[in-house]
Amino acid sequence: MEMTGAKRILLRLITVLLVLLQTLAVPSWAAGKTGGQLEERPADGKLTEGTSARVVEVIDGDTVVLDDGKEVRLVGIQAPKLPLNRPNFKEWPLAREAKTELEKLVLSKRVTLSYGGTRMDRHGRTLAHLHTEDGIWAQGEMLSRGLARVYTFSDNRAAAPELMALEAGAREAKRGIWALNYYRVQDADGKVGPPDTYQLVEGTVAEVADVRGRFFLNFGQDFKTDFTAGISPRDAKAFASSGMDLKSLKGKRIRVRGWIDERNGPAMDLTHPEQIELLQ
């Protein structure tokens, strides 16, 4: 039987409605739970639920292997690192403890993958959030137990506020890594570094320089030796789009996070707003 124009329109409307309902549906892992499980969960719509599989191996505190062959990097966090056959790589403190804790959380369990940005890294690993059938958000638990730091990217920063809040709670309680000097939040007025390390740095912005669209947040009077955070012209657009006025940061106390480099003193590249926390 030939479908009339009105029926076609009605069918299309029903299809669109079904798609919208699926998009807005709250995943099963988002139901609130208390006790040892996460209480602050990502807001509806921030993550897209994907497939499910069983965890068959935990490589380290933020990487697992599934029974479908996927190697999954727990996006949004960075756990203490093991050498993993990398030459001349020194094991980070509490790396073994972080691996053990993640094994307790997810090993041999069925997990659902959820996505909030780029889904694969340059190493071919899947970038996802993991949620167990019993309601555990793996990233949230590792942060709340003090065995990871928030580690976002410009193309993968969903649920950052929830992740930050959990990290802050563990840091204030000095749980896990936050009880160690190795992971301390560094003072921008002190010795920042060493180079090629991921750090959290706090300080008051002494000056904001705009050099042909490239911003420099200087934390001291001598930009050639003091700690500086830089934002490229391309990345500056993302800050503006988020409503963050970089020039207004002058005189403000902030916390920044990222990799330390050595360029006329210690430097850090900022690519997205979640790398800056306003402390005042």
C-alpha atoms as a PDB file:
ATOM      1  CA  MET A   1       0.000   0.000   0.000  1.00  0.00           C
ATOM      2  CA  GLU A   2       1.424   3.365  -1.036  1.00  0.00           C
ATOM      3  CA  MET A   3       2.233   5.747   1.854  1.00  0.00           C
ATOM      4  CA  THR A   4       0.574   9.181   1.645  1.00  0.00           C
ATOM      5  CA  GLY A   5       2.471  12.450   2.161  1.00  0.00           C
ATOM      6  CA  ALA A   6       0.813  12.990   5.536  1.00  0.00           C
ATOM      7  CA  LYS A   7       1.825   9.522   6.726  1.00  0.00           C
ATOM      8  CA  ARG A   8       5.419  10.127   5.652  1.00  0.00           C
ATOM      9  CA  ILE A   9       5.529  13.367   7.644  1.00  0.00           C
ATOM     10  CA  LEU A  10       4.021  11.643  10.684  1.00  0.00           C
ATOM     11  CA  LEU A  11       6.543   8.789  10.454  1.00  0.00           C
ATOM     12  CA  ARG A  12       9.428  11.249  10.264  1.00  0.00           C
ATOM     13  CA  LEU A  13       8.144  13.149  13.308  1.00  0.00           C
ATOM     14  CA  ILE A  14       7.867   9.906  15.286  1.00  0.00           C
ATOM     15  CA  THR A  15      11.424   8.924  14.273  1.00  0.00           C
ATOM     16  CA  VAL A  16      12.820  12.310  15.320  1.00  0.00           C
ATOM     17  CA  LEU A  17      10.980  12.081  18.642  1.00  0.00           C
ATOM     18  CA  LEU A  18      12.408   8.615  19.340  1.00  0.00           C
ATOM     19  CA  VAL A  19      15.949   9.819  18.602  1.00  0.00           C
ATOM     20  CA  LEU A  20      15.497  12.785  20.940  1.00  0.00           C
ATOM     21  CA  LEU A  21      14.190  10.543  23.701  1.00  0.00           C
ATOM     22  CA  GLN A  22      17.181   8.225  23.339  1.00  0.00           C
ATOM     23  CA  THR A  23      19.569  11.175  23.475  1.00  0.00           C
ATOM     24  CA  LEU A  24      17.975  12.592  26.596  1.00  0.00           C
ATOM     25  CA  ALA A  25      17.615   9.280  28.400  1.00  0.00           C
ATOM     26  CA  VAL A  26      19.573   8.983  31.626  1.00  0.00           C
ATOM     27  CA  PRO A  27      21.936   5.977  31.515  1.00  0.00           C
ATOM     28  CA  SER A  28      21.454   3.336  34.191  1.00  0.00           C
ATOM     29  CA  TRP A  29      24.753   4.263  35.849  1.00  0.00           C
ATOM     30  CA  ALA A  30      23.542   7.813  36.462  1.00  0.00           C
ATOM     31  CA  ALA A  31      21.020   6.753  39.103  1.00  0.00           C
ATOM     32  CA  GLY A  32      22.049   8.261  42.433  1.00  0.00           C
ATOM     33  CA  LYS A  33      23.727   5.955  44.954  1.00  0.00           C
ATOM     34  CA  THR A  34      25.380   6.566  48.280  1.00  0.00           C
ATOM     35  CA  GLY A  35      27.941   4.921  50.503  1.00  0.00           C
ATOM     36  CA  GLY A  36      31.220   3.982  48.826  1.00  0.00           C
ATOM     37  CA  GLN A  37      29.863   4.846  45.393  1.00  0.00           C
ATOM     38  CA  LEU A  38      29.975   8.168  43.654  1.00  0.00           C
ATOM     39  CA  GLU A  39      27.418  10.751  44.773  1.00  0.00           C
ATOM     40  CA  GLU A  40      28.296  13.492  42.274  1.00  0.00           C
ATOM     41  CA  ARG A  41      27.584  12.090  38.824  1.00  0.00           C
ATOM     42  CA  PRO A  42      27.918  13.735  35.421  1.00  0.00           C
ATOM     43  CA  ALA A  43      24.887  15.820  34.517  1.00  0.00           C
ATOM     44  CA  ASP A  44      22.499  14.333  31.983  1.00  0.00           C
ATOM     45  CA  GLY A  45      23.630  14.856  28.414  1.00  0.00           C
ATOM     46  CA  LYS A  46      27.333  15.281  29.123  1.00  0.00           C
ATOM     47  CA  LEU A  47      28.211  11.705  28.194  1.00  0.00           C
ATOM     48  CA  THR A  48      26.930   9.433  25.434  1.00  0.00           C
ATOM     49  CA  GLU A  49      26.468   5.817  26.437  1.00  0.00           C
ATOM     50  CA  GLY A  50      28.137   3.229  24.211  1.00  0.00           C
ATOM     51  CA  THR A  51      28.696  -0.525  24.246  1.00  0.00           C
ATOM     52  CA  SER A  52      29.312  -2.843  27.177  1.00  0.00           C
ATOM     53  CA  ALA A  53      32.053  -5.439  27.711  1.00  0.00           C
ATOM     54  CA  ARG A  54      33.926  -7.248  30.467  1.00  0.00           C
ATOM     55  CA  VAL A  55      37.268  -6.047  31.865  1.00  0.00           C
ATOM     56  CA  VAL A  56      39.837  -8.826  31.489  1.00  0.00           C
ATOM     57  CA  GLU A  57      43.010  -6.944  32.406  1.00  0.00           C
ATOM     58  CA  VAL A  58      44.057  -3.793  34.255  1.00  0.00           C
ATOM     59  CA  ILE A  59      47.277  -2.369  32.825  1.00  0.00           C
ATOM     60  CA  ASP A  60      47.700   0.483  35.281  1.00  0.00           C
ATOM     61  CA  GLY A  61      45.592   2.909  37.301  1.00  0.00           C
ATOM     62  CA  ASP A  62      43.880   4.405  34.259  1.00  0.00           C
ATOM     63  CA  THR A  63      44.057   1.776  31.502  1.00  0.00           C
ATOM     64  CA  VAL A  64      42.189  -1.517  31.048  1.00  0.00           C
ATOM     65  CA  VAL A  65      41.647  -4.211  28.427  1.00  0.00           C
ATOM     66  CA  LEU A  66      38.162  -5.518  27.569  1.00  0.00           C
ATOM     67  CA  ASP A  67      37.072  -8.946  26.386  1.00  0.00           C
ATOM     68  CA  ASP A  68      36.223  -7.459  22.980  1.00  0.00           C
ATOM     69  CA  GLY A  69      39.903  -6.581  22.499  1.00  0.00           C
ATOM     70  CA  LYS A  70      39.639  -2.847  23.189  1.00  0.00           C
ATOM     71  CA  GLU A  71      42.313  -1.181  25.270  1.00  0.00           C
ATOM     72  CA  VAL A  72      40.545   1.622  27.120  1.00  0.00           C
ATOM     73  CA  ARG A  73      42.191   4.714  28.555  1.00  0.00           C
ATOM     74  CA  LEU A  74      40.031   6.149  31.335  1.00  0.00           C
ATOM     75  CA  VAL A  75      39.627   9.614  29.902  1.00  0.00           C
ATOM     76  CA  GLY A  76      39.518  12.604  32.251  1.00  0.00           C
ATOM     77  CA  ILE A  77      42.003  11.318  34.812  1.00  0.00           C
ATOM     78  CA  GLN A  78      45.687  10.542  35.166  1.00  0.00           C
ATOM     79  CA  ALA A  79      46.766   7.894  37.668  1.00  0.00           C
ATOM     80  CA  PRO A  80      50.357   7.438  38.888  1.00  0.00           C
ATOM     81  CA  LYS A  81      52.372   5.791  36.122  1.00  0.00           C
ATOM     82  CA  LEU A  82      54.139   2.436  35.965  1.00  0.00           C
ATOM     83  CA  PRO A  83      57.194   2.002  33.673  1.00  0.00           C
ATOM     84  CA  LEU A  84      55.400  -0.555  31.435  1.00  0.00           C
ATOM     85  CA  ASN A  85      58.661  -1.408  29.610  1.00  0.00           C
ATOM     86  CA  ARG A  86      59.430   2.230  28.837  1.00  0.00           C
ATOM     87  CA  PRO A  87      63.236   2.654  29.012  1.00  0.00           C
ATOM     88  CA  ASN A  88      64.574   4.946  31.749  1.00  0.00           C
ATOM     89  CA  PHE A  89      61.040   5.599  33.060  1.00  0.00           C
ATOM     90  CA  LYS A  90      60.936   5.957  36.821  1.00  0.00           C
ATOM     91  CA  GLU A  91      57.830   4.581  38.501  1.00  0.00           C
ATOM     92  CA  TRP A  92      55.633   7.240  40.098  1.00  0.00           C
ATOM     93  CA  PRO A  93      54.752   6.907  43.789  1.00  0.00           C
ATOM     94  CA  LEU A  94      51.560   4.911  44.472  1.00  0.00           C
ATOM     95  CA  ALA A  95      51.427   3.587  40.880  1.00  0.00           C
ATOM     96  CA  ARG A  96      51.085  -0.017  42.049  1.00  0.00           C
ATOM     97  CA  GLU A  97      48.445   0.943  44.604  1.00  0.00           C
ATOM     98  CA  ALA A  98      46.447   2.747  41.891  1.00  0.00           C
ATOM     99  CA  LYS A  99      46.524  -0.338  39.661  1.00  0.00           C
ATOM    100  CA  THR A 100      45.421  -2.564  42.529  1.00  0.00           C
ATOM    101  CA  GLU A 101      42.550  -0.231  43.401  1.00  0.00           C
ATOM    102  CA  LEU A 102      41.294  -0.124  39.822  1.00  0.00           C
ATOM    103  CA  GLU A 103      41.436  -3.925  39.725  1.00  0.00           C
ATOM    104  CA  LYS A 104      39.166  -4.012  42.779  1.00  0.00           C
ATOM    105  CA  LEU A 105      36.746  -1.644  41.067  1.00  0.00           C
ATOM    106  CA  VAL A 106      36.436  -3.123  37.566  1.00  0.00           C
ATOM    107  CA  LEU A 107      38.417  -6.331  36.954  1.00  0.00           C
ATOM    108  CA  SER A 108      36.196  -9.193  35.721  1.00  0.00           C
ATOM    109  CA  LYS A 109      33.184  -6.877  35.832  1.00  0.00           C
ATOM    110  CA  ARG A 110      30.962  -5.885  32.946  1.00  0.00           C
ATOM    111  CA  VAL A 111      31.285  -2.177  32.227  1.00  0.00           C
ATOM    112  CA  THR A 112      29.539   0.317  29.987  1.00  0.00           C
ATOM    113  CA  LEU A 113      31.652   2.743  27.982  1.00  0.00           C
ATOM    114  CA  SER A 114      30.493   6.365  27.758  1.00  0.00           C
ATOM    115  CA  TYR A 115      31.982   9.123  25.652  1.00  0.00           C
ATOM    116  CA  GLY A 116      32.267  12.881  25.972  1.00  0.00           C
ATOM    117  CA  GLY A 117      34.666  13.769  23.158  1.00  0.00           C
ATOM    118  CA  THR A 118      37.289  12.179  20.910  1.00  0.00           C
ATOM    119  CA  ARG A 119      36.905   8.408  21.108  1.00  0.00           C
ATOM    120  CA  MET A 120      40.387   7.183  20.184  1.00  0.00           C
ATOM    121  CA  ASP A 121      43.900   8.451  20.873  1.00  0.00           C
ATOM    122  CA  ARG A 122      46.981   8.296  18.655  1.00  0.00           C
ATOM    123  CA  HIS A 123      47.966   4.985  20.234  1.00  0.00           C
ATOM    124  CA  GLY A 124      44.722   3.364  19.121  1.00  0.00           C
ATOM    125  CA  ARG A 125      43.280   3.229  22.635  1.00  0.00           C
ATOM    126  CA  THR A 126      39.593   3.874  23.221  1.00  0.00           C
ATOM    127  CA  LEU A 127      38.974   7.018  25.287  1.00  0.00           C
ATOM    128  CA  ALA A 128      35.964   6.483  27.511  1.00  0.00           C
ATOM    129  CA  HIS A 129      34.366   6.735  30.924  1.00  0.00           C
ATOM    130  CA  LEU A 130      33.696   3.385  32.584  1.00  0.00           C
ATOM    131  CA  HIS A 131      30.581   2.531  34.597  1.00  0.00           C
ATOM    132  CA  THR A 132      30.071  -0.843  36.239  1.00  0.00           C
ATOM    133  CA  GLU A 133      26.738  -2.649  36.467  1.00  0.00           C
ATOM    134  CA  ASP A 134      26.643  -1.940  40.203  1.00  0.00           C
ATOM    135  CA  GLY A 135      26.752   1.819  39.609  1.00  0.00           C
ATOM    136  CA  ILE A 136      30.438   2.658  40.040  1.00  0.00           C
ATOM    137  CA  TRP A 137      31.922   5.425  37.906  1.00  0.00           C
ATOM    138  CA  ALA A 138      35.564   4.305  37.696  1.00  0.00           C
ATOM    139  CA  GLN A 139      37.005   7.776  37.088  1.00  0.00           C
ATOM    140  CA  GLY A 140      35.088   9.249  39.994  1.00  0.00           C
ATOM    141  CA  GLU A 141      36.135   6.517  42.391  1.00  0.00           C
ATOM    142  CA  MET A 142      39.832   6.775  41.492  1.00  0.00           C
ATOM    143  CA  LEU A 143      39.725  10.528  42.065  1.00  0.00           C
ATOM    144  CA  SER A 144      37.781  10.346  45.325  1.00  0.00           C
ATOM    145  CA  ARG A 145      40.230   7.766  46.679  1.00  0.00           C
ATOM    146  CA  GLY A 146      43.158  10.056  45.908  1.00  0.00           C
ATOM    147  CA  LEU A 147      44.682   7.778  43.292  1.00  0.00           C
ATOM    148  CA  ALA A 148      44.359  10.034  40.237  1.00  0.00           C
ATOM    149  CA  ARG A 149      44.343  13.657  39.149  1.00  0.00           C
ATOM    150  CA  VAL A 150      41.969  15.366  36.711  1.00  0.00           C
ATOM    151  CA  TYR A 151      43.523  15.329  33.246  1.00  0.00           C
ATOM    152  CA  THR A 152      41.360  16.844  30.505  1.00  0.00           C
ATOM    153  CA  PHE A 153      41.974  17.759  26.874  1.00  0.00           C
ATOM    154  CA  SER A 154      40.516  20.415  24.593  1.00  0.00           C
ATOM    155  CA  ASP A 155      38.704  17.683  22.647  1.00  0.00           C
ATOM    156  CA  ASN A 156      37.771  15.616  25.711  1.00  0.00           C
ATOM    157  CA  ARG A 157      36.569  17.554  28.745  1.00  0.00           C
ATOM    158  CA  ALA A 158      33.064  16.331  29.480  1.00  0.00           C
ATOM    159  CA  ALA A 159      32.103  16.030  33.159  1.00  0.00           C
ATOM    160  CA  ALA A 160      35.111  18.154  34.178  1.00  0.00           C
ATOM    161  CA  PRO A 161      33.243  19.989  36.992  1.00  0.00           C
ATOM    162  CA  GLU A 162      32.251  16.693  38.631  1.00  0.00           C
ATOM    163  CA  LEU A 163      35.783  15.338  38.241  1.00  0.00           C
ATOM    164  CA  MET A 164      37.294  18.510  39.705  1.00  0.00           C
ATOM    165  CA  ALA A 165      34.985  18.392  42.716  1.00  0.00           C
ATOM    166  CA  LEU A 166      35.974  14.813  43.509  1.00  0.00           C
ATOM    167  CA  GLU A 167      39.670  15.588  43.156  1.00  0.00           C
ATOM    168  CA  ALA A 168      39.283  18.614  45.434  1.00  0.00           C
ATOM    169  CA  GLY A 169      37.642  16.493  48.125  1.00  0.00           C
ATOM    170  CA  ALA A 170      40.487  13.977  48.100  1.00  0.00           C
ATOM    171  CA  ARG A 171      43.089  16.738  48.062  1.00  0.00           C
ATOM    172  CA  GLU A 172      41.564  18.515  51.044  1.00  0.00           C
ATOM    173  CA  ALA A 173      41.411  15.223  52.951  1.00  0.00           C
ATOM    174  CA  LYS A 174      45.010  14.402  51.916  1.00  0.00           C
ATOM    175  CA  ARG A 175      43.990  10.994  50.644  1.00  0.00           C
ATOM    176  CA  GLY A 176      46.335   8.903  48.528  1.00  0.00           C
ATOM    177  CA  ILE A 177      48.671  10.931  46.318  1.00  0.00           C
ATOM    178  CA  TRP A 178      47.723  14.175  48.078  1.00  0.00           C
ATOM    179  CA  ALA A 179      49.551  13.076  51.215  1.00  0.00           C
ATOM    180  CA  LEU A 180      52.815  12.976  49.253  1.00  0.00           C
ATOM    181  CA  ASN A 181      55.119  15.890  48.462  1.00  0.00           C
ATOM    182  CA  TYR A 182      55.644  14.408  44.981  1.00  0.00           C
ATOM    183  CA  TYR A 183      52.102  15.396  43.932  1.00  0.00           C
ATOM    184  CA  ARG A 184      51.758  18.622  45.921  1.00  0.00           C
ATOM    185  CA  VAL A 185      50.172  21.696  44.350  1.00  0.00           C
ATOM    186  CA  GLN A 186      53.177  23.847  43.510  1.00  0.00           C
ATOM    187  CA  ASP A 187      53.588  27.530  44.346  1.00  0.00           C
ATOM    188  CA  ALA A 188      54.048  29.722  41.269  1.00  0.00           C
ATOM    189  CA  ASP A 189      56.438  31.880  43.294  1.00  0.00           C
ATOM    190  CA  GLY A 190      58.630  28.901  44.110  1.00  0.00           C
ATOM    191  CA  LYS A 191      60.556  26.384  42.062  1.00  0.00           C
ATOM    192  CA  VAL A 192      58.040  25.054  39.521  1.00  0.00           C
ATOM    193  CA  GLY A 193      58.813  21.796  37.778  1.00  0.00           C
ATOM    194  CA  PRO A 194      60.772  19.811  36.903  1.00  0.00           C
ATOM    195  CA  PRO A 195      60.264  19.996  33.114  1.00  0.00           C
ATOM    196  CA  ASP A 196      58.268  17.266  31.376  1.00  0.00           C
ATOM    197  CA  THR A 197      56.091  16.625  34.433  1.00  0.00           C
ATOM    198  CA  TYR A 198      52.361  17.143  34.923  1.00  0.00           C
ATOM    199  CA  GLN A 199      51.742  19.653  37.707  1.00  0.00           C
ATOM    200  CA  LEU A 200      49.119  21.720  39.465  1.00  0.00           C
ATOM    201  CA  VAL A 201      50.403  25.247  40.128  1.00  0.00           C
ATOM    202  CA  GLU A 202      48.799  28.034  42.179  1.00  0.00           C
ATOM    203  CA  GLY A 203      49.633  31.708  42.222  1.00  0.00           C
ATOM    204  CA  THR A 204      48.514  35.279  41.612  1.00  0.00           C
ATOM    205  CA  VAL A 205      48.651  36.478  38.022  1.00  0.00           C
ATOM    206  CA  ALA A 206      50.988  39.479  37.986  1.00  0.00           C
ATOM    207  CA  GLU A 207      50.387  40.424  34.364  1.00  0.00           C
ATOM    208  CA  VAL A 208      48.416  39.287  31.315  1.00  0.00           C
ATOM    209  CA  ALA A 209      50.178  39.962  28.023  1.00  0.00           C
ATOM    210  CA  ASP A 210      48.436  39.797  24.645  1.00  0.00           C
ATOM    211  CA  VAL A 211      51.055  39.408  21.913  1.00  0.00           C
ATOM    212  CA  ARG A 212      49.283  39.281  18.536  1.00  0.00           C
ATOM    213  CA  GLY A 213      46.501  37.154  19.973  1.00  0.00           C
ATOM    214  CA  ARG A 214      48.775  34.900  22.014  1.00  0.00           C
ATOM    215  CA  PHE A 215      48.175  35.319  25.749  1.00  0.00           C
ATOM    216  CA  PHE A 216      50.749  34.967  28.493  1.00  0.00           C
ATOM    217  CA  LEU A 217      49.755  34.736  32.149  1.00  0.00           C
ATOM    218  CA  ASN A 218      52.869  35.902  33.981  1.00  0.00           C
ATOM    219  CA  PHE A 219      53.091  34.946  37.646  1.00  0.00           C
ATOM    220  CA  GLY A 220      56.139  37.097  38.364  1.00  0.00           C
ATOM    221  CA  GLN A 221      57.738  40.371  37.331  1.00  0.00           C
ATOM    222  CA  ASP A 222      60.485  38.738  35.247  1.00  0.00           C
ATOM    223  CA  PHE A 223      58.807  36.736  32.485  1.00  0.00           C
ATOM    224  CA  LYS A 224      62.199  35.356  31.428  1.00  0.00           C
ATOM    225  CA  THR A 225      62.664  33.425  34.665  1.00  0.00           C
ATOM    226  CA  ASP A 226      59.298  33.279  36.455  1.00  0.00           C
ATOM    227  CA  PHE A 227      56.516  30.781  35.822  1.00  0.00           C
ATOM    228  CA  THR A 228      54.318  31.603  32.827  1.00  0.00           C
ATOM    229  CA  ALA A 229      51.204  29.988  31.357  1.00  0.00           C
ATOM    230  CA  GLY A 230      50.578  30.539  27.647  1.00  0.00           C
ATOM    231  CA  ILE A 231      47.512  30.310  25.399  1.00  0.00           C
ATOM    232  CA  SER A 232      47.830  30.189  21.603  1.00  0.00           C
ATOM    233  CA  PRO A 233      45.617  32.395  19.399  1.00  0.00           C
ATOM    234  CA  ARG A 234      43.623  29.357  18.289  1.00  0.00           C
ATOM    235  CA  ASP A 235      43.069  28.133  21.844  1.00  0.00           C
ATOM    236  CA  ALA A 236      42.259  31.640  23.094  1.00  0.00           C
ATOM    237  CA  LYS A 237      39.022  31.421  21.101  1.00  0.00           C
ATOM    238  CA  ALA A 238      37.889  28.485  23.222  1.00  0.00           C
ATOM    239  CA  PHE A 239      38.438  30.515  26.393  1.00  0.00           C
ATOM    240  CA  ALA A 240      36.465  33.430  24.940  1.00  0.00           C
ATOM    241  CA  SER A 241      33.646  31.115  23.852  1.00  0.00           C
ATOM    242  CA  SER A 242      33.386  29.772  27.390  1.00  0.00           C
ATOM    243  CA  GLY A 243      32.974  33.294  28.745  1.00  0.00           C
ATOM    244  CA  MET A 244      36.426  33.487  30.327  1.00  0.00           C
ATOM    245  CA  ASP A 245      38.065  36.892  29.867  1.00  0.00           C
ATOM    246  CA  LEU A 246      41.771  36.140  30.065  1.00  0.00           C
ATOM    247  CA  LYS A 247      42.713  39.793  30.623  1.00  0.00           C
ATOM    248  CA  SER A 248      40.477  39.886  33.704  1.00  0.00           C
ATOM    249  CA  LEU A 249      42.717  37.301  35.387  1.00  0.00           C
ATOM    250  CA  LYS A 250      45.321  39.938  36.231  1.00  0.00           C
ATOM    251  CA  GLY A 251      45.605  40.183  40.011  1.00  0.00           C
ATOM    252  CA  LYS A 252      43.522  37.030  40.514  1.00  0.00           C
ATOM    253  CA  ARG A 253      44.723  33.946  42.326  1.00  0.00           C
ATOM    254  CA  ILE A 254      44.263  30.890  40.139  1.00  0.00           C
ATOM    255  CA  ARG A 255      45.273  27.249  39.890  1.00  0.00           C
ATOM    256  CA  VAL A 256      46.456  25.881  36.542  1.00  0.00           C
ATOM    257  CA  ARG A 257      47.242  22.305  35.537  1.00  0.00           C
ATOM    258  CA  GLY A 258      49.279  20.863  32.689  1.00  0.00           C
ATOM    259  CA  TRP A 259      52.708  19.777  31.541  1.00  0.00           C
ATOM    260  CA  ILE A 260      55.719  21.850  32.531  1.00  0.00           C
ATOM    261  CA  ASP A 261      58.202  22.916  29.886  1.00  0.00           C
ATOM    262  CA  GLU A 262      61.324  25.072  30.114  1.00  0.00           C
ATOM    263  CA  ARG A 263      61.111  28.204  27.951  1.00  0.00           C
ATOM    264  CA  ASN A 264      62.762  31.228  29.583  1.00  0.00           C
ATOM    265  CA  GLY A 265      61.790  29.731  32.903  1.00  0.00           C
ATOM    266  CA  PRO A 266      59.092  27.160  33.695  1.00  0.00           C
ATOM    267  CA  ALA A 267      56.118  27.352  31.316  1.00  0.00           C
ATOM    268  CA  MET A 268      52.786  25.611  30.792  1.00  0.00           C
ATOM    269  CA  ASP A 269      50.558  25.581  27.714  1.00  0.00           C
ATOM    270  CA  LEU A 270      46.829  25.997  28.356  1.00  0.00           C
ATOM    271  CA  THR A 271      44.508  24.763  25.621  1.00  0.00           C
ATOM    272  CA  HIS A 272      41.075  24.799  27.271  1.00  0.00           C
ATOM    273  CA  PRO A 273      39.284  26.599  30.128  1.00  0.00           C
ATOM    274  CA  GLU A 274      39.128  23.572  32.432  1.00  0.00           C
ATOM    275  CA  GLN A 275      42.874  23.948  32.993  1.00  0.00           C
ATOM    276  CA  ILE A 276      42.220  27.143  34.971  1.00  0.00           C
ATOM    277  CA  GLU A 277      40.497  27.292  38.351  1.00  0.00           C
ATOM    278  CA  LEU A 278      39.699  30.699  39.835  1.00  0.00           C
ATOM    279  CA  LEU A 279      40.480  30.565  43.560  1.00  0.00           C
ATOM    280  CA  GLN A 280      39.070  33.926  44.627  1.00  0.00           C
END
